Amino acid sequence: MIREHAFAPHQRKLQTELAKDITVRVHSKEDYEAAVKASSILFGNSVTKDLEDLDEETLLSVFEGVPQVSISKAAFDSCVTVTDLLSEATKSTIFPSKGEARKMIQAGGVSINKTKLADVNQKPEFTLLQNKYLLAQKGKKNYYLIIVE
């Protein structure tokens, strides 16, 4: 008796190729590649470079529906530590307190622009994506887009 799971890898490859073909026919090859990159960012092991390579329109479409918070450039520049940025400067949108931000950073569960934070006292000297965005990630699935204006 042949087990169904023996066909699973072949079936996934077929589904992937079919999805690619349909997306390219309906939209374009560029749109397909942008969608693949977006999925990699959200669900894969993408890195900061992948985020930096996205144009603003794609970046915003990838993170449509993700909680967003705007802060002034002055507020961003005056943050002494990442805990300030992720709690007070972002109006408690990401973390309700500095203490919670510290605990999560110490546990290795916080990233900015896909770079894991290790030091709670680190100065928030991050490259702004498209000169105005930061992507904060809390845990595996919680993303926040910080807009620095």
C-alpha atoms as a PDB file:
ATOM      1  CA  MET A   1       0.000   0.000   0.000  1.00  0.00           C
ATOM      2  CA  ILE A   2       1.388   3.402  -0.987  1.00  0.00           C
ATOM      3  CA  ARG A   3       1.096   6.064   1.654  1.00  0.00           C
ATOM      4  CA  GLU A   4      -0.232   9.499   0.685  1.00  0.00           C
ATOM      5  CA  HIS A   5       2.594  11.467   2.302  1.00  0.00           C
ATOM      6  CA  ALA A   6       5.044   9.939  -0.164  1.00  0.00           C
ATOM      7  CA  PHE A   7       3.550  12.258  -2.784  1.00  0.00           C
ATOM      8  CA  ALA A   8       3.551  15.369  -0.574  1.00  0.00           C
ATOM      9  CA  PRO A   9       6.875  16.910  -1.798  1.00  0.00           C
ATOM     10  CA  HIS A  10       5.896  16.396  -5.439  1.00  0.00           C
ATOM     11  CA  GLN A  11       2.444  17.821  -4.793  1.00  0.00           C
ATOM     12  CA  ARG A  12       3.890  20.928  -3.070  1.00  0.00           C
ATOM     13  CA  LYS A  13       6.270  21.530  -5.982  1.00  0.00           C
ATOM     14  CA  LEU A  14       3.374  21.227  -8.427  1.00  0.00           C
ATOM     15  CA  GLN A  15       1.271  23.669  -6.372  1.00  0.00           C
ATOM     16  CA  THR A  16       4.169  26.126  -6.232  1.00  0.00           C
ATOM     17  CA  GLU A  17       4.729  25.966  -9.989  1.00  0.00           C
ATOM     18  CA  LEU A  18       1.022  26.361 -10.672  1.00  0.00           C
ATOM     19  CA  ALA A  19       0.792  29.393  -8.362  1.00  0.00           C
ATOM     20  CA  LYS A  20       3.832  30.928 -10.059  1.00  0.00           C
ATOM     21  CA  ASP A  21       2.403  30.359 -13.529  1.00  0.00           C
ATOM     22  CA  ILE A  22      -0.974  31.879 -12.645  1.00  0.00           C
ATOM     23  CA  THR A  23       0.551  34.891 -10.860  1.00  0.00           C
ATOM     24  CA  VAL A  24       2.902  35.635 -13.764  1.00  0.00           C
ATOM     25  CA  ARG A  25       0.058  35.317 -16.305  1.00  0.00           C
ATOM     26  CA  VAL A  26      -2.365  37.491 -14.337  1.00  0.00           C
ATOM     27  CA  HIS A  27       0.127  40.046 -12.989  1.00  0.00           C
ATOM     28  CA  SER A  28       3.792  39.907 -13.988  1.00  0.00           C
ATOM     29  CA  LYS A  29       7.033  38.132 -13.209  1.00  0.00           C
ATOM     30  CA  GLU A  30       8.081  41.141 -11.098  1.00  0.00           C
ATOM     31  CA  ASP A  31       4.879  40.913  -9.037  1.00  0.00           C
ATOM     32  CA  TYR A  32       5.466  37.194  -8.518  1.00  0.00           C
ATOM     33  CA  GLU A  33       9.039  37.833  -7.329  1.00  0.00           C
ATOM     34  CA  ALA A  34       7.816  40.588  -4.980  1.00  0.00           C
ATOM     35  CA  ALA A  35       5.211  38.208  -3.535  1.00  0.00           C
ATOM     36  CA  VAL A  36       7.853  35.507  -2.969  1.00  0.00           C
ATOM     37  CA  LYS A  37      10.122  38.018  -1.245  1.00  0.00           C
ATOM     38  CA  ALA A  38       7.222  39.285   0.882  1.00  0.00           C
ATOM     39  CA  SER A  39       6.365  35.759   2.005  1.00  0.00           C
ATOM     40  CA  SER A  40       9.989  35.101   2.836  1.00  0.00           C
ATOM     41  CA  ILE A  41      10.047  38.202   5.002  1.00  0.00           C
ATOM     42  CA  LEU A  42       6.893  37.291   6.870  1.00  0.00           C
ATOM     43  CA  PHE A  43       7.253  33.536   7.127  1.00  0.00           C
ATOM     44  CA  GLY A  44      10.839  32.625   6.297  1.00  0.00           C
ATOM     45  CA  ASN A  45      14.344  33.393   7.428  1.00  0.00           C
ATOM     46  CA  SER A  46      14.816  36.679   5.653  1.00  0.00           C
ATOM     47  CA  VAL A  47      17.455  39.168   6.700  1.00  0.00           C
ATOM     48  CA  THR A  48      17.788  42.944   6.940  1.00  0.00           C
ATOM     49  CA  LYS A  49      19.074  43.123   3.350  1.00  0.00           C
ATOM     50  CA  ASP A  50      15.788  41.643   2.094  1.00  0.00           C
ATOM     51  CA  LEU A  51      13.875  44.450   3.822  1.00  0.00           C
ATOM     52  CA  GLU A  52      16.235  47.114   2.528  1.00  0.00           C
ATOM     53  CA  ASP A  53      15.765  45.841  -1.046  1.00  0.00           C
ATOM     54  CA  LEU A  54      11.991  46.385  -0.988  1.00  0.00           C
ATOM     55  CA  ASP A  55      10.618  49.518  -2.581  1.00  0.00           C
ATOM     56  CA  GLU A  56       8.220  51.557  -0.449  1.00  0.00           C
ATOM     57  CA  GLU A  57       5.068  50.350  -2.218  1.00  0.00           C
ATOM     58  CA  THR A  58       6.003  46.686  -1.741  1.00  0.00           C
ATOM     59  CA  LEU A  59       7.090  47.276   1.860  1.00  0.00           C
ATOM     60  CA  LEU A  60       3.746  48.876   2.693  1.00  0.00           C
ATOM     61  CA  SER A  61       1.777  46.172   0.893  1.00  0.00           C
ATOM     62  CA  VAL A  62       3.688  43.392   2.696  1.00  0.00           C
ATOM     63  CA  PHE A  63       2.878  44.971   6.054  1.00  0.00           C
ATOM     64  CA  GLU A  64      -0.674  46.061   5.268  1.00  0.00           C
ATOM     65  CA  GLY A  65      -2.758  45.130   8.287  1.00  0.00           C
ATOM     66  CA  VAL A  66       0.244  45.108  10.620  1.00  0.00           C
ATOM     67  CA  PRO A  67      -0.137  47.508  13.568  1.00  0.00           C
ATOM     68  CA  GLN A  68       1.554  50.806  12.769  1.00  0.00           C
ATOM     69  CA  VAL A  69       2.692  53.621  14.991  1.00  0.00           C
ATOM     70  CA  SER A  70       4.070  57.006  13.947  1.00  0.00           C
ATOM     71  CA  ILE A  71       6.706  58.875  15.905  1.00  0.00           C
ATOM     72  CA  SER A  72       8.504  62.096  15.151  1.00  0.00           C
ATOM     73  CA  LYS A  73      12.101  62.103  13.975  1.00  0.00           C
ATOM     74  CA  ALA A  74      12.927  64.123  17.103  1.00  0.00           C
ATOM     75  CA  ALA A  75      11.335  61.470  19.337  1.00  0.00           C
ATOM     76  CA  PHE A  76      13.286  58.748  17.522  1.00  0.00           C
ATOM     77  CA  ASP A  77      16.567  60.660  17.813  1.00  0.00           C
ATOM     78  CA  SER A  78      16.004  61.329  21.530  1.00  0.00           C
ATOM     79  CA  CYS A  79      15.530  57.648  22.451  1.00  0.00           C
ATOM     80  CA  VAL A  80      18.436  56.660  24.670  1.00  0.00           C
ATOM     81  CA  THR A  81      17.799  52.901  24.479  1.00  0.00           C
ATOM     82  CA  VAL A  82      15.797  50.422  22.408  1.00  0.00           C
ATOM     83  CA  THR A  83      13.575  49.885  25.432  1.00  0.00           C
ATOM     84  CA  ASP A  84      12.624  53.604  25.244  1.00  0.00           C
ATOM     85  CA  LEU A  85      11.845  53.227  21.548  1.00  0.00           C
ATOM     86  CA  LEU A  86       9.760  50.069  21.927  1.00  0.00           C
ATOM     87  CA  SER A  87       7.717  51.331  24.880  1.00  0.00           C
ATOM     88  CA  GLU A  88       7.450  55.069  25.542  1.00  0.00           C
ATOM     89  CA  ALA A  89       8.351  56.516  22.123  1.00  0.00           C
ATOM     90  CA  THR A  90       5.905  54.221  20.362  1.00  0.00           C
ATOM     91  CA  LYS A  91       3.121  55.134  22.804  1.00  0.00           C
ATOM     92  CA  SER A  92       3.078  51.640  24.372  1.00  0.00           C
ATOM     93  CA  THR A  93       1.910  50.121  21.071  1.00  0.00           C
ATOM     94  CA  ILE A  94       4.628  47.461  21.027  1.00  0.00           C
ATOM     95  CA  PHE A  95       5.314  47.059  24.742  1.00  0.00           C
ATOM     96  CA  PRO A  96       3.184  48.586  27.507  1.00  0.00           C
ATOM     97  CA  SER A  97       6.267  49.196  29.666  1.00  0.00           C
ATOM     98  CA  LYS A  98      10.043  49.367  29.617  1.00  0.00           C
ATOM     99  CA  GLY A  99      10.124  46.372  31.966  1.00  0.00           C
ATOM    100  CA  GLU A 100       8.229  44.159  29.515  1.00  0.00           C
ATOM    101  CA  ALA A 101      10.440  45.326  26.648  1.00  0.00           C
ATOM    102  CA  ARG A 102      13.567  44.528  28.693  1.00  0.00           C
ATOM    103  CA  LYS A 103      12.339  41.027  29.578  1.00  0.00           C
ATOM    104  CA  MET A 104      11.484  40.149  25.993  1.00  0.00           C
ATOM    105  CA  ILE A 105      14.782  41.534  24.645  1.00  0.00           C
ATOM    106  CA  GLN A 106      16.738  39.589  27.289  1.00  0.00           C
ATOM    107  CA  ALA A 107      14.829  36.435  26.294  1.00  0.00           C
ATOM    108  CA  GLY A 108      15.919  36.959  22.670  1.00  0.00           C
ATOM    109  CA  GLY A 109      12.429  37.617  21.371  1.00  0.00           C
ATOM    110  CA  VAL A 110      12.745  41.061  19.782  1.00  0.00           C
ATOM    111  CA  SER A 111      14.120  42.128  16.400  1.00  0.00           C
ATOM    112  CA  ILE A 112      14.341  45.419  14.575  1.00  0.00           C
ATOM    113  CA  ASN A 113      14.579  45.180  10.789  1.00  0.00           C
ATOM    114  CA  LYS A 114      15.171  41.424  11.171  1.00  0.00           C
ATOM    115  CA  THR A 115      18.199  41.945  13.448  1.00  0.00           C
ATOM    116  CA  LYS A 116      17.755  40.347  16.864  1.00  0.00           C
ATOM    117  CA  LEU A 117      18.305  42.714  19.787  1.00  0.00           C
ATOM    118  CA  ALA A 118      20.644  41.486  22.502  1.00  0.00           C
ATOM    119  CA  ASP A 119      21.320  44.543  24.679  1.00  0.00           C
ATOM    120  CA  VAL A 120      18.444  46.313  26.455  1.00  0.00           C
ATOM    121  CA  ASN A 121      20.593  49.450  26.727  1.00  0.00           C
ATOM    122  CA  GLN A 122      21.511  49.520  23.046  1.00  0.00           C
ATOM    123  CA  LYS A 123      21.092  52.910  21.372  1.00  0.00           C
ATOM    124  CA  PRO A 124      18.468  52.667  18.627  1.00  0.00           C
ATOM    125  CA  GLU A 125      20.804  53.401  15.748  1.00  0.00           C
ATOM    126  CA  PHE A 126      19.011  51.511  13.013  1.00  0.00           C
ATOM    127  CA  THR A 127      18.920  52.262   9.321  1.00  0.00           C
ATOM    128  CA  LEU A 128      15.442  53.477   8.464  1.00  0.00           C
ATOM    129  CA  LEU A 129      13.883  51.501   5.628  1.00  0.00           C
ATOM    130  CA  GLN A 130      13.023  53.917   2.815  1.00  0.00           C
ATOM    131  CA  ASN A 131      14.358  56.632   5.165  1.00  0.00           C
ATOM    132  CA  LYS A 132      11.295  56.445   7.417  1.00  0.00           C
ATOM    133  CA  TYR A 133      10.318  52.934   8.542  1.00  0.00           C
ATOM    134  CA  LEU A 134      11.439  50.410  11.135  1.00  0.00           C
ATOM    135  CA  LEU A 135      10.061  46.908  11.367  1.00  0.00           C
ATOM    136  CA  ALA A 136       9.803  45.681  14.946  1.00  0.00           C
ATOM    137  CA  GLN A 137       9.140  42.011  15.614  1.00  0.00           C
ATOM    138  CA  LYS A 138       8.022  40.726  18.992  1.00  0.00           C
ATOM    139  CA  GLY A 139       8.092  36.957  19.264  1.00  0.00           C
ATOM    140  CA  LYS A 140       7.712  34.909  16.113  1.00  0.00           C
ATOM    141  CA  LYS A 141       4.547  36.368  14.658  1.00  0.00           C
ATOM    142  CA  ASN A 142       3.953  39.882  15.995  1.00  0.00           C
ATOM    143  CA  TYR A 143       5.112  42.616  13.631  1.00  0.00           C
ATOM    144  CA  TYR A 144       4.850  46.376  14.049  1.00  0.00           C
ATOM    145  CA  LEU A 145       5.710  49.053  11.525  1.00  0.00           C
ATOM    146  CA  ILE A 146       7.208  52.153  13.125  1.00  0.00           C
ATOM    147  CA  ILE A 147       6.896  55.225  10.914  1.00  0.00           C
ATOM    148  CA  VAL A 148       9.483  57.899  11.717  1.00  0.00           C
ATOM    149  CA  GLU A 149       8.273  61.249  10.383  1.00  0.00           C
END
